[in-house]
Amino acid sequence: MPEPGSNRGYKAWHYIEPILLMLIGGGRHIEELREIIEVAGKVVKHARKLCMKIYYKKIRLRHAELSG
């Protein structure tokens, strides 16, 4: 992480917002936030894989159209 004041790090709100939302939503422990972040990471990873499959399928279809 960059040194404080370097204007290259995360804004304070990016740290505070998820914690506040968790507390407002009834969360009581930081571990709950870690679990949410972990699950969100898995969802993003799955979504990327799905998007790549769709992208490559479109490329194959386009190639087939151009070839024949």
N, C-alpha and C. Protein backbone atom coordinates (compact mmCIF):
# COMPACT_ATOMS: atom_id res chain seq x y z
N MET A 1 0.85 -1.18 0.00
CA MET A 1 0.00 0.00 0.00
C MET A 1 0.89 1.24 0.00
N PRO A 2 0.56 2.22 -0.80
CA PRO A 2 1.34 3.45 -0.83
C PRO A 2 1.33 4.18 0.52
N GLU A 3 2.31 5.00 0.71
CA GLU A 3 2.41 5.78 1.94
C GLU A 3 1.23 6.74 2.07
N PRO A 4 0.80 7.04 3.30
CA PRO A 4 -0.28 8.01 3.47
C PRO A 4 0.09 9.35 2.83
N GLY A 5 -0.86 9.95 2.19
CA GLY A 5 -0.63 11.25 1.56
C GLY A 5 -0.08 11.15 0.15
N SER A 6 0.19 9.94 -0.33
CA SER A 6 0.76 9.81 -1.67
C SER A 6 -0.30 9.93 -2.76
N ASN A 7 -1.56 9.94 -2.36
CA ASN A 7 -2.69 10.06 -3.29
C ASN A 7 -2.77 8.88 -4.26
N ARG A 8 -2.22 7.71 -3.85
CA ARG A 8 -2.28 6.54 -4.71
C ARG A 8 -2.98 5.36 -4.06
N GLY A 9 -3.32 5.48 -2.81
CA GLY A 9 -3.96 4.37 -2.10
C GLY A 9 -5.47 4.42 -2.26
N TYR A 10 -6.14 3.57 -1.50
CA TYR A 10 -7.60 3.57 -1.50
C TYR A 10 -8.11 4.74 -0.69
N LYS A 11 -9.22 5.25 -1.07
CA LYS A 11 -9.89 6.29 -0.28
C LYS A 11 -10.44 5.62 0.99
N ALA A 12 -10.52 6.38 2.06
CA ALA A 12 -11.00 5.83 3.33
C ALA A 12 -12.39 5.23 3.19
N TRP A 13 -13.22 5.84 2.36
CA TRP A 13 -14.59 5.36 2.20
C TRP A 13 -14.62 3.94 1.67
N HIS A 14 -13.66 3.53 0.85
CA HIS A 14 -13.63 2.18 0.31
C HIS A 14 -13.40 1.13 1.40
N TYR A 15 -12.80 1.54 2.50
CA TYR A 15 -12.63 0.63 3.64
C TYR A 15 -13.86 0.65 4.54
N ILE A 16 -14.41 1.82 4.73
CA ILE A 16 -15.49 2.01 5.70
C ILE A 16 -16.84 1.54 5.16
N GLU A 17 -17.13 1.80 3.90
CA GLU A 17 -18.45 1.50 3.33
C GLU A 17 -18.88 0.05 3.54
N PRO A 18 -18.07 -0.97 3.17
CA PRO A 18 -18.55 -2.34 3.36
C PRO A 18 -18.79 -2.69 4.83
N ILE A 19 -17.99 -2.13 5.71
CA ILE A 19 -18.17 -2.40 7.14
C ILE A 19 -19.48 -1.78 7.62
N LEU A 20 -19.75 -0.55 7.22
CA LEU A 20 -21.00 0.10 7.61
C LEU A 20 -22.21 -0.64 7.06
N LEU A 21 -22.14 -1.05 5.78
CA LEU A 21 -23.26 -1.78 5.19
C LEU A 21 -23.50 -3.10 5.92
N MET A 22 -22.41 -3.77 6.31
CA MET A 22 -22.54 -5.02 7.05
C MET A 22 -23.23 -4.78 8.40
N LEU A 23 -22.79 -3.74 9.09
CA LEU A 23 -23.36 -3.44 10.41
C LEU A 23 -24.82 -3.02 10.29
N ILE A 24 -25.14 -2.22 9.29
CA ILE A 24 -26.53 -1.80 9.07
C ILE A 24 -27.40 -3.00 8.74
N GLY A 25 -26.84 -3.95 8.00
CA GLY A 25 -27.58 -5.15 7.62
C GLY A 25 -27.71 -6.18 8.72
N GLY A 26 -27.17 -5.90 9.88
CA GLY A 26 -27.31 -6.82 11.01
C GLY A 26 -26.07 -7.62 11.32
N GLY A 27 -24.99 -7.41 10.56
CA GLY A 27 -23.74 -8.13 10.82
C GLY A 27 -23.12 -7.68 12.14
N ARG A 28 -22.39 -8.57 12.77
CA ARG A 28 -21.78 -8.24 14.06
C ARG A 28 -20.28 -8.48 14.10
N HIS A 29 -19.74 -9.21 13.11
CA HIS A 29 -18.33 -9.58 13.18
C HIS A 29 -17.65 -9.31 11.83
N ILE A 30 -16.41 -8.89 11.89
CA ILE A 30 -15.63 -8.64 10.69
C ILE A 30 -15.52 -9.93 9.86
N GLU A 31 -15.50 -11.07 10.50
CA GLU A 31 -15.40 -12.35 9.78
C GLU A 31 -16.56 -12.51 8.79
N GLU A 32 -17.72 -11.99 9.12
CA GLU A 32 -18.85 -12.05 8.19
C GLU A 32 -18.52 -11.29 6.92
N LEU A 33 -17.87 -10.16 7.04
CA LEU A 33 -17.48 -9.36 5.89
C LEU A 33 -16.47 -10.13 5.05
N ARG A 34 -15.53 -10.79 5.70
CA ARG A 34 -14.54 -11.59 4.96
C ARG A 34 -15.22 -12.70 4.17
N GLU A 35 -16.22 -13.34 4.75
CA GLU A 35 -16.95 -14.39 4.05
C GLU A 35 -17.68 -13.83 2.84
N ILE A 36 -18.29 -12.67 2.99
CA ILE A 36 -19.00 -12.03 1.88
C ILE A 36 -18.03 -11.72 0.75
N ILE A 37 -16.87 -11.18 1.09
CA ILE A 37 -15.87 -10.84 0.08
C ILE A 37 -15.39 -12.10 -0.63
N GLU A 38 -15.20 -13.18 0.13
CA GLU A 38 -14.75 -14.44 -0.46
C GLU A 38 -15.78 -14.97 -1.46
N VAL A 39 -17.05 -14.95 -1.07
CA VAL A 39 -18.11 -15.43 -1.96
C VAL A 39 -18.21 -14.53 -3.19
N ALA A 40 -18.11 -13.23 -3.00
CA ALA A 40 -18.18 -12.29 -4.13
C ALA A 40 -17.04 -12.56 -5.11
N GLY A 41 -15.86 -12.86 -4.60
CA GLY A 41 -14.73 -13.19 -5.45
C GLY A 41 -14.99 -14.42 -6.29
N LYS A 42 -15.61 -15.43 -5.69
CA LYS A 42 -15.94 -16.65 -6.43
C LYS A 42 -16.98 -16.37 -7.51
N VAL A 43 -17.94 -15.52 -7.21
CA VAL A 43 -18.97 -15.16 -8.20
C VAL A 43 -18.33 -14.44 -9.38
N VAL A 44 -17.43 -13.51 -9.09
CA VAL A 44 -16.76 -12.76 -10.15
C VAL A 44 -15.93 -13.71 -11.02
N LYS A 45 -15.21 -14.62 -10.38
CA LYS A 45 -14.39 -15.57 -11.12
C LYS A 45 -15.27 -16.42 -12.05
N HIS A 46 -16.40 -16.89 -11.55
CA HIS A 46 -17.31 -17.70 -12.35
C HIS A 46 -17.88 -16.87 -13.51
N ALA A 47 -18.23 -15.63 -13.23
CA ALA A 47 -18.79 -14.75 -14.27
C ALA A 47 -17.77 -14.51 -15.38
N ARG A 48 -16.50 -14.32 -15.01
CA ARG A 48 -15.46 -14.13 -16.02
C ARG A 48 -15.33 -15.34 -16.92
N LYS A 49 -15.35 -16.53 -16.31
CA LYS A 49 -15.25 -17.76 -17.09
C LYS A 49 -16.43 -17.87 -18.06
N LEU A 50 -17.61 -17.56 -17.57
CA LEU A 50 -18.80 -17.63 -18.40
C LEU A 50 -18.72 -16.63 -19.55
N CYS A 51 -18.27 -15.42 -19.29
CA CYS A 51 -18.12 -14.41 -20.33
C CYS A 51 -17.11 -14.84 -21.38
N MET A 52 -16.02 -15.46 -20.96
CA MET A 52 -15.01 -15.93 -21.91
C MET A 52 -15.57 -17.04 -22.79
N LYS A 53 -16.35 -17.94 -22.21
CA LYS A 53 -16.97 -19.00 -23.01
C LYS A 53 -17.89 -18.41 -24.07
N ILE A 54 -18.70 -17.44 -23.68
CA ILE A 54 -19.62 -16.80 -24.63
C ILE A 54 -18.83 -16.07 -25.72
N TYR A 55 -17.78 -15.38 -25.31
CA TYR A 55 -16.95 -14.64 -26.26
C TYR A 55 -16.33 -15.58 -27.29
N TYR A 56 -15.73 -16.68 -26.82
CA TYR A 56 -15.09 -17.61 -27.75
C TYR A 56 -16.12 -18.32 -28.63
N LYS A 57 -17.30 -18.57 -28.12
CA LYS A 57 -18.35 -19.18 -28.92
C LYS A 57 -18.75 -18.23 -30.06
N LYS A 58 -18.87 -16.93 -29.74
CA LYS A 58 -19.20 -15.95 -30.77
C LYS A 58 -18.10 -15.88 -31.83
N ILE A 59 -16.85 -15.96 -31.40
CA ILE A 59 -15.73 -15.93 -32.34
C ILE A 59 -15.80 -17.15 -33.27
N ARG A 60 -16.05 -18.33 -32.71
CA ARG A 60 -16.15 -19.55 -33.53
C ARG A 60 -17.30 -19.44 -34.53
N LEU A 61 -18.43 -18.92 -34.09
CA LEU A 61 -19.58 -18.76 -34.98
C LEU A 61 -19.25 -17.77 -36.11
N ARG A 62 -18.62 -16.69 -35.76
CA ARG A 62 -18.24 -15.67 -36.76
C ARG A 62 -17.25 -16.26 -37.76
N HIS A 63 -16.29 -17.02 -37.24
CA HIS A 63 -15.29 -17.66 -38.11
C HIS A 63 -15.97 -18.65 -39.07
N ALA A 64 -16.93 -19.40 -38.55
CA ALA A 64 -17.67 -20.36 -39.39
C ALA A 64 -18.46 -19.63 -40.48
N GLU A 65 -19.04 -18.48 -40.15
CA GLU A 65 -19.80 -17.70 -41.13
C GLU A 65 -18.87 -17.21 -42.25
N LEU A 66 -17.69 -16.76 -41.86
CA LEU A 66 -16.74 -16.22 -42.84
C LEU A 66 -16.11 -17.32 -43.69
N SER A 67 -15.95 -18.51 -43.10
CA SER A 67 -15.32 -19.63 -43.81
C SER A 67 -16.26 -20.31 -44.78
N GLY A 68 -17.49 -20.31 -44.48
CA GLY A 68 -18.36 -21.10 -45.37
C GLY A 68 -19.69 -20.57 -45.47
